[in-house]
Amino acid sequence: MTKHLLFLSVSTLAICSVVFAGQVEPAIGLNDDLGLSQSELARLKVAAASGDPSAGRRVAMYFELAAKDVPVAIDWYKVAAENGDRTSACRLAIAYKDDADVVLRTRGAFWKRRCDWTDQEPRR
């Protein structure tokens, strides 16, 4: 047990020293699915702005789940949904469905229709 603790301590120290020496960029997320380095987050933002729907969804999920910044997450879900991401359209429909603002509820209904698309054909 002492050997394992010593190894873990030495490994942790080595990883921390590499990170703090600037050789490895620290992750800014909470887990492997959302753990994004600053450069990866920046790359995904550019990809999303250029039309990549999955990049937009990943940025939105990071802000919603890891950074806990829902207003920013909603902005990125909009980018992803506008680029055709159905999951993001569903997230927007949920976010707006019970809003006190009638305009936002109406937008929620719009995104719900987009969420109901199958194979990019709207449900009639």
N, C-alpha and C. Protein backbone atom coordinates (compact mmCIF):
# COMPACT_ATOMS: atom_id res chain seq x y z
N MET A 1 0.83 -1.19 0.00
CA MET A 1 0.00 0.00 0.00
C MET A 1 0.87 1.25 0.00
N THR A 2 1.96 1.23 0.79
CA THR A 2 2.85 2.39 0.87
C THR A 2 3.49 2.64 -0.49
N LYS A 3 3.87 1.56 -1.20
CA LYS A 3 4.47 1.72 -2.52
C LYS A 3 3.49 2.37 -3.49
N HIS A 4 2.19 1.98 -3.43
CA HIS A 4 1.19 2.55 -4.31
C HIS A 4 0.97 4.03 -4.01
N LEU A 5 0.92 4.38 -2.73
CA LEU A 5 0.76 5.77 -2.35
C LEU A 5 1.95 6.60 -2.80
N LEU A 6 3.16 6.04 -2.62
CA LEU A 6 4.36 6.75 -3.04
C LEU A 6 4.36 6.95 -4.55
N PHE A 7 3.98 5.89 -5.30
CA PHE A 7 3.92 6.00 -6.75
C PHE A 7 2.89 7.05 -7.18
N LEU A 8 1.71 7.01 -6.54
CA LEU A 8 0.68 7.98 -6.86
C LEU A 8 1.15 9.40 -6.57
N SER A 9 1.82 9.58 -5.44
CA SER A 9 2.31 10.92 -5.08
C SER A 9 3.37 11.39 -6.07
N VAL A 10 4.29 10.51 -6.43
CA VAL A 10 5.34 10.88 -7.38
C VAL A 10 4.73 11.15 -8.76
N SER A 11 3.76 10.32 -9.17
CA SER A 11 3.11 10.53 -10.46
C SER A 11 2.36 11.85 -10.48
N THR A 12 1.63 12.13 -9.42
CA THR A 12 0.90 13.39 -9.33
C THR A 12 1.84 14.56 -9.36
N LEU A 13 2.93 14.48 -8.62
CA LEU A 13 3.92 15.54 -8.59
C LEU A 13 4.52 15.75 -9.98
N ALA A 14 4.82 14.67 -10.68
CA ALA A 14 5.41 14.79 -12.02
C ALA A 14 4.42 15.43 -12.98
N ILE A 15 3.15 15.02 -12.92
CA ILE A 15 2.14 15.59 -13.81
C ILE A 15 1.97 17.07 -13.49
N CYS A 16 1.87 17.41 -12.20
CA CYS A 16 1.69 18.81 -11.81
C CYS A 16 2.87 19.66 -12.24
N SER A 17 4.08 19.14 -12.10
CA SER A 17 5.24 19.93 -12.46
C SER A 17 5.29 20.18 -13.97
N VAL A 18 4.85 19.20 -14.77
CA VAL A 18 4.81 19.38 -16.22
C VAL A 18 3.76 20.42 -16.57
N VAL A 19 2.60 20.34 -15.95
CA VAL A 19 1.53 21.29 -16.23
C VAL A 19 1.95 22.69 -15.84
N PHE A 20 2.49 22.84 -14.65
CA PHE A 20 2.84 24.17 -14.18
C PHE A 20 4.08 24.72 -14.88
N ALA A 21 4.89 23.86 -15.46
CA ALA A 21 6.04 24.33 -16.21
C ALA A 21 5.62 24.85 -17.58
N GLY A 22 4.33 24.70 -17.89
CA GLY A 22 3.83 25.20 -19.16
C GLY A 22 4.02 24.24 -20.31
N GLN A 23 4.45 23.02 -20.02
CA GLN A 23 4.68 22.06 -21.09
C GLN A 23 3.39 21.40 -21.56
N VAL A 24 2.39 21.35 -20.70
CA VAL A 24 1.09 20.78 -21.04
C VAL A 24 0.04 21.78 -20.60
N GLU A 25 -0.90 22.04 -21.48
CA GLU A 25 -1.95 22.99 -21.16
C GLU A 25 -2.96 22.31 -20.24
N PRO A 26 -3.30 22.92 -19.10
CA PRO A 26 -4.26 22.29 -18.19
C PRO A 26 -5.65 22.25 -18.80
N ALA A 27 -6.37 21.19 -18.49
CA ALA A 27 -7.75 21.08 -18.95
C ALA A 27 -8.63 22.04 -18.17
N ILE A 28 -9.71 22.51 -18.79
CA ILE A 28 -10.59 23.44 -18.12
C ILE A 28 -11.94 22.82 -17.80
N GLY A 29 -12.13 21.54 -18.13
CA GLY A 29 -13.40 20.89 -17.88
C GLY A 29 -13.35 20.02 -16.64
N LEU A 30 -14.43 19.27 -16.43
CA LEU A 30 -14.55 18.46 -15.23
C LEU A 30 -14.31 16.98 -15.47
N ASN A 31 -14.45 16.52 -16.69
CA ASN A 31 -14.24 15.10 -16.96
C ASN A 31 -13.79 14.93 -18.41
N ASP A 32 -13.59 13.67 -18.80
CA ASP A 32 -13.05 13.43 -20.14
C ASP A 32 -13.99 13.91 -21.24
N ASP A 33 -15.31 13.82 -21.04
CA ASP A 33 -16.24 14.24 -22.08
C ASP A 33 -16.25 15.75 -22.26
N LEU A 34 -16.06 16.49 -21.17
CA LEU A 34 -16.13 17.94 -21.24
C LEU A 34 -14.80 18.60 -20.95
N GLY A 35 -13.79 17.82 -20.65
CA GLY A 35 -12.49 18.38 -20.34
C GLY A 35 -11.84 18.95 -21.58
N LEU A 36 -11.94 20.25 -21.73
CA LEU A 36 -11.40 20.91 -22.91
C LEU A 36 -10.28 21.84 -22.49
N SER A 37 -9.18 21.78 -23.19
CA SER A 37 -8.12 22.76 -22.96
C SER A 37 -8.59 24.09 -23.55
N GLN A 38 -7.95 25.15 -23.16
CA GLN A 38 -8.30 26.47 -23.70
C GLN A 38 -8.17 26.48 -25.22
N SER A 39 -7.12 25.83 -25.74
CA SER A 39 -6.93 25.82 -27.19
C SER A 39 -7.99 24.97 -27.89
N GLU A 40 -8.40 23.85 -27.28
CA GLU A 40 -9.45 23.01 -27.87
C GLU A 40 -10.78 23.75 -27.86
N LEU A 41 -11.09 24.44 -26.77
CA LEU A 41 -12.32 25.22 -26.70
C LEU A 41 -12.32 26.30 -27.78
N ALA A 42 -11.20 26.98 -27.95
CA ALA A 42 -11.09 28.02 -28.97
C ALA A 42 -11.27 27.42 -30.36
N ARG A 43 -10.66 26.25 -30.61
CA ARG A 43 -10.77 25.59 -31.91
C ARG A 43 -12.22 25.19 -32.18
N LEU A 44 -12.91 24.66 -31.16
CA LEU A 44 -14.30 24.26 -31.32
C LEU A 44 -15.21 25.46 -31.58
N LYS A 45 -14.92 26.58 -30.93
CA LYS A 45 -15.72 27.80 -31.17
C LYS A 45 -15.60 28.24 -32.62
N VAL A 46 -14.40 28.22 -33.16
CA VAL A 46 -14.19 28.61 -34.56
C VAL A 46 -14.90 27.63 -35.49
N ALA A 47 -14.77 26.33 -35.19
CA ALA A 47 -15.43 25.32 -36.02
C ALA A 47 -16.94 25.50 -35.99
N ALA A 48 -17.48 25.79 -34.81
CA ALA A 48 -18.93 26.00 -34.68
C ALA A 48 -19.36 27.23 -35.45
N ALA A 49 -18.62 28.30 -35.32
CA ALA A 49 -18.94 29.54 -36.04
C ALA A 49 -18.83 29.34 -37.55
N SER A 50 -18.03 28.36 -37.97
CA SER A 50 -17.85 28.07 -39.40
C SER A 50 -18.89 27.08 -39.92
N GLY A 51 -19.78 26.60 -39.04
CA GLY A 51 -20.85 25.73 -39.51
C GLY A 51 -20.85 24.31 -39.01
N ASP A 52 -19.93 23.92 -38.14
CA ASP A 52 -19.87 22.55 -37.63
C ASP A 52 -20.86 22.40 -36.47
N PRO A 53 -21.98 21.69 -36.67
CA PRO A 53 -22.99 21.60 -35.63
C PRO A 53 -22.53 20.84 -34.38
N SER A 54 -21.74 19.78 -34.56
CA SER A 54 -21.30 19.02 -33.39
C SER A 54 -20.31 19.82 -32.54
N ALA A 55 -19.52 20.66 -33.17
CA ALA A 55 -18.61 21.51 -32.41
C ALA A 55 -19.39 22.51 -31.56
N GLY A 56 -20.44 23.08 -32.15
CA GLY A 56 -21.29 24.01 -31.40
C GLY A 56 -21.95 23.34 -30.21
N ARG A 57 -22.44 22.12 -30.43
CA ARG A 57 -23.07 21.38 -29.33
C ARG A 57 -22.07 21.09 -28.22
N ARG A 58 -20.86 20.72 -28.58
CA ARG A 58 -19.85 20.41 -27.57
C ARG A 58 -19.48 21.66 -26.76
N VAL A 59 -19.36 22.80 -27.42
CA VAL A 59 -19.09 24.05 -26.71
C VAL A 59 -20.25 24.37 -25.78
N ALA A 60 -21.48 24.22 -26.28
CA ALA A 60 -22.66 24.50 -25.45
C ALA A 60 -22.71 23.58 -24.24
N MET A 61 -22.42 22.30 -24.44
CA MET A 61 -22.44 21.36 -23.32
C MET A 61 -21.37 21.71 -22.30
N TYR A 62 -20.23 22.14 -22.77
CA TYR A 62 -19.18 22.56 -21.84
C TYR A 62 -19.69 23.70 -20.96
N PHE A 63 -20.27 24.72 -21.60
CA PHE A 63 -20.73 25.87 -20.82
C PHE A 63 -21.90 25.52 -19.91
N GLU A 64 -22.77 24.62 -20.36
CA GLU A 64 -23.91 24.24 -19.53
C GLU A 64 -23.49 23.36 -18.35
N LEU A 65 -22.70 22.33 -18.62
CA LEU A 65 -22.43 21.32 -17.61
C LEU A 65 -21.15 21.53 -16.82
N ALA A 66 -20.12 22.02 -17.46
CA ALA A 66 -18.84 22.18 -16.76
C ALA A 66 -18.69 23.59 -16.19
N ALA A 67 -18.92 24.59 -17.01
CA ALA A 67 -18.74 25.98 -16.57
C ALA A 67 -19.97 26.51 -15.83
N LYS A 68 -21.10 25.80 -15.96
CA LYS A 68 -22.35 26.22 -15.30
C LYS A 68 -22.77 27.63 -15.71
N ASP A 69 -22.59 27.96 -16.98
CA ASP A 69 -22.95 29.27 -17.51
C ASP A 69 -24.05 29.06 -18.55
N VAL A 70 -25.28 28.94 -18.08
CA VAL A 70 -26.40 28.59 -18.95
C VAL A 70 -26.67 29.63 -20.03
N PRO A 71 -26.64 30.94 -19.73
CA PRO A 71 -26.87 31.90 -20.83
C PRO A 71 -25.87 31.76 -21.98
N VAL A 72 -24.62 31.53 -21.67
CA VAL A 72 -23.63 31.32 -22.74
C VAL A 72 -23.89 29.99 -23.44
N ALA A 73 -24.26 28.98 -22.68
CA ALA A 73 -24.58 27.68 -23.27
C ALA A 73 -25.72 27.82 -24.28
N ILE A 74 -26.75 28.56 -23.91
CA ILE A 74 -27.89 28.76 -24.81
C ILE A 74 -27.45 29.44 -26.11
N ASP A 75 -26.56 30.41 -26.00
CA ASP A 75 -26.03 31.05 -27.22
C ASP A 75 -25.36 30.02 -28.13
N TRP A 76 -24.59 29.10 -27.55
CA TRP A 76 -23.90 28.09 -28.37
C TRP A 76 -24.86 27.02 -28.87
N TYR A 77 -25.90 26.69 -28.07
CA TYR A 77 -26.91 25.77 -28.57
C TYR A 77 -27.61 26.38 -29.79
N LYS A 78 -27.83 27.68 -29.77
CA LYS A 78 -28.43 28.36 -30.93
C LYS A 78 -27.55 28.21 -32.16
N VAL A 79 -26.24 28.42 -31.98
CA VAL A 79 -25.30 28.28 -33.10
C VAL A 79 -25.37 26.87 -33.66
N ALA A 80 -25.33 25.89 -32.78
CA ALA A 80 -25.36 24.49 -33.22
C ALA A 80 -26.69 24.16 -33.90
N ALA A 81 -27.80 24.61 -33.31
CA ALA A 81 -29.12 24.33 -33.89
C ALA A 81 -29.27 25.01 -35.25
N GLU A 82 -28.78 26.22 -35.36
CA GLU A 82 -28.84 26.93 -36.65
C GLU A 82 -28.02 26.20 -37.71
N ASN A 83 -27.00 25.47 -37.26
CA ASN A 83 -26.18 24.69 -38.18
C ASN A 83 -26.75 23.30 -38.42
N GLY A 84 -27.95 23.02 -37.86
CA GLY A 84 -28.63 21.76 -38.14
C GLY A 84 -28.53 20.70 -37.07
N ASP A 85 -28.02 21.03 -35.89
CA ASP A 85 -27.91 20.03 -34.84
C ASP A 85 -29.25 19.85 -34.13
N ARG A 86 -29.83 18.70 -34.30
CA ARG A 86 -31.16 18.40 -33.75
C ARG A 86 -31.15 18.38 -32.22
N THR A 87 -30.11 17.81 -31.62
CA THR A 87 -30.02 17.75 -30.16
C THR A 87 -30.02 19.15 -29.57
N SER A 88 -29.32 20.07 -30.19
CA SER A 88 -29.27 21.45 -29.70
C SER A 88 -30.64 22.11 -29.84
N ALA A 89 -31.35 21.81 -30.92
CA ALA A 89 -32.71 22.34 -31.08
C ALA A 89 -33.60 21.83 -29.95
N CYS A 90 -33.44 20.58 -29.58
CA CYS A 90 -34.22 20.01 -28.48
C CYS A 90 -33.87 20.70 -27.16
N ARG A 91 -32.59 20.96 -26.93
CA ARG A 91 -32.18 21.64 -25.69
C ARG A 91 -32.79 23.05 -25.64
N LEU A 92 -32.84 23.74 -26.76
CA LEU A 92 -33.44 25.07 -26.79
C LEU A 92 -34.95 25.00 -26.55
N ALA A 93 -35.60 24.00 -27.12
CA ALA A 93 -37.04 23.83 -26.90
C ALA A 93 -37.33 23.64 -25.42
N ILE A 94 -36.53 22.84 -24.76
CA ILE A 94 -36.69 22.61 -23.33
C ILE A 94 -36.41 23.88 -22.53
N ALA A 95 -35.36 24.59 -22.91
CA ALA A 95 -34.97 25.80 -22.18
C ALA A 95 -36.05 26.87 -22.24
N TYR A 96 -36.77 26.96 -23.35
CA TYR A 96 -37.72 28.04 -23.55
C TYR A 96 -39.18 27.67 -23.30
N LYS A 97 -39.50 26.41 -23.16
CA LYS A 97 -40.90 25.99 -23.17
C LYS A 97 -41.75 26.60 -22.08
N ASP A 98 -41.21 26.88 -20.91
CA ASP A 98 -41.99 27.45 -19.81
C ASP A 98 -41.57 28.87 -19.46
N ASP A 99 -40.89 29.53 -20.38
CA ASP A 99 -40.41 30.88 -20.10
C ASP A 99 -41.59 31.85 -19.94
N ALA A 100 -41.43 32.82 -19.05
CA ALA A 100 -42.48 33.83 -18.83
C ALA A 100 -42.65 34.74 -20.05
N ASP A 101 -41.61 34.90 -20.83
CA ASP A 101 -41.63 35.76 -22.01
C ASP A 101 -42.28 35.00 -23.18
N VAL A 102 -43.38 35.55 -23.69
CA VAL A 102 -44.11 34.90 -24.77
C VAL A 102 -43.25 34.75 -26.02
N VAL A 103 -42.37 35.69 -26.27
CA VAL A 103 -41.49 35.59 -27.44
C VAL A 103 -40.55 34.40 -27.30
N LEU A 104 -39.99 34.22 -26.12
CA LEU A 104 -39.09 33.07 -25.91
C LEU A 104 -39.86 31.75 -25.95
N ARG A 105 -41.08 31.73 -25.42
CA ARG A 105 -41.90 30.51 -25.52
C ARG A 105 -42.19 30.19 -26.98
N THR A 106 -42.44 31.24 -27.78
CA THR A 106 -42.67 31.04 -29.21
C THR A 106 -41.42 30.48 -29.88
N ARG A 107 -40.26 31.01 -29.50
CA ARG A 107 -39.00 30.46 -30.04
C ARG A 107 -38.82 29.01 -29.59
N GLY A 108 -39.24 28.72 -28.36
CA GLY A 108 -39.18 27.33 -27.88
C GLY A 108 -40.02 26.41 -28.75
N ALA A 109 -41.21 26.88 -29.15
CA ALA A 109 -42.06 26.08 -30.04
C ALA A 109 -41.39 25.89 -31.40
N PHE A 110 -40.74 26.94 -31.88
CA PHE A 110 -39.99 26.84 -33.15
C PHE A 110 -38.91 25.77 -33.04
N TRP A 111 -38.13 25.82 -31.96
CA TRP A 111 -37.05 24.84 -31.80
C TRP A 111 -37.61 23.45 -31.57
N LYS A 112 -38.79 23.35 -30.96
CA LYS A 112 -39.42 22.04 -30.78
C LYS A 112 -39.75 21.43 -32.14
N ARG A 113 -40.26 22.25 -33.06
CA ARG A 113 -40.52 21.74 -34.42
C ARG A 113 -39.22 21.27 -35.06
N ARG A 114 -38.15 22.02 -34.88
CA ARG A 114 -36.85 21.60 -35.43
C ARG A 114 -36.37 20.32 -34.76
N CYS A 115 -36.64 20.20 -33.49
CA CYS A 115 -36.25 19.01 -32.73
C CYS A 115 -36.98 17.78 -33.26
N ASP A 116 -38.20 17.97 -33.74
CA ASP A 116 -39.01 16.86 -34.25
C ASP A 116 -38.64 16.43 -35.66
N TRP A 117 -37.69 17.11 -36.28
CA TRP A 117 -37.27 16.74 -37.63
C TRP A 117 -36.68 15.34 -37.63
N THR A 118 -36.92 14.63 -38.70
CA THR A 118 -36.27 13.34 -38.92
C THR A 118 -35.64 13.39 -40.30
N ASP A 119 -34.39 13.08 -40.36
CA ASP A 119 -33.66 13.12 -41.62
C ASP A 119 -33.80 14.48 -42.32
N GLN A 120 -33.76 15.54 -41.54
CA GLN A 120 -33.81 16.91 -42.00
C GLN A 120 -35.12 17.29 -42.68
N GLU A 121 -36.14 16.52 -42.49
CA GLU A 121 -37.47 16.85 -43.00
C GLU A 121 -38.35 17.22 -41.81
N PRO A 122 -38.98 18.38 -41.83
CA PRO A 122 -39.82 18.74 -40.69
C PRO A 122 -41.05 17.85 -40.61
N ARG A 123 -41.45 17.55 -39.37
CA ARG A 123 -42.66 16.76 -39.14
C ARG A 123 -43.85 17.65 -39.49
N ARG A 124 -44.80 17.14 -40.19
CA ARG A 124 -45.98 17.91 -40.61
C ARG A 124 -47.17 17.59 -39.73
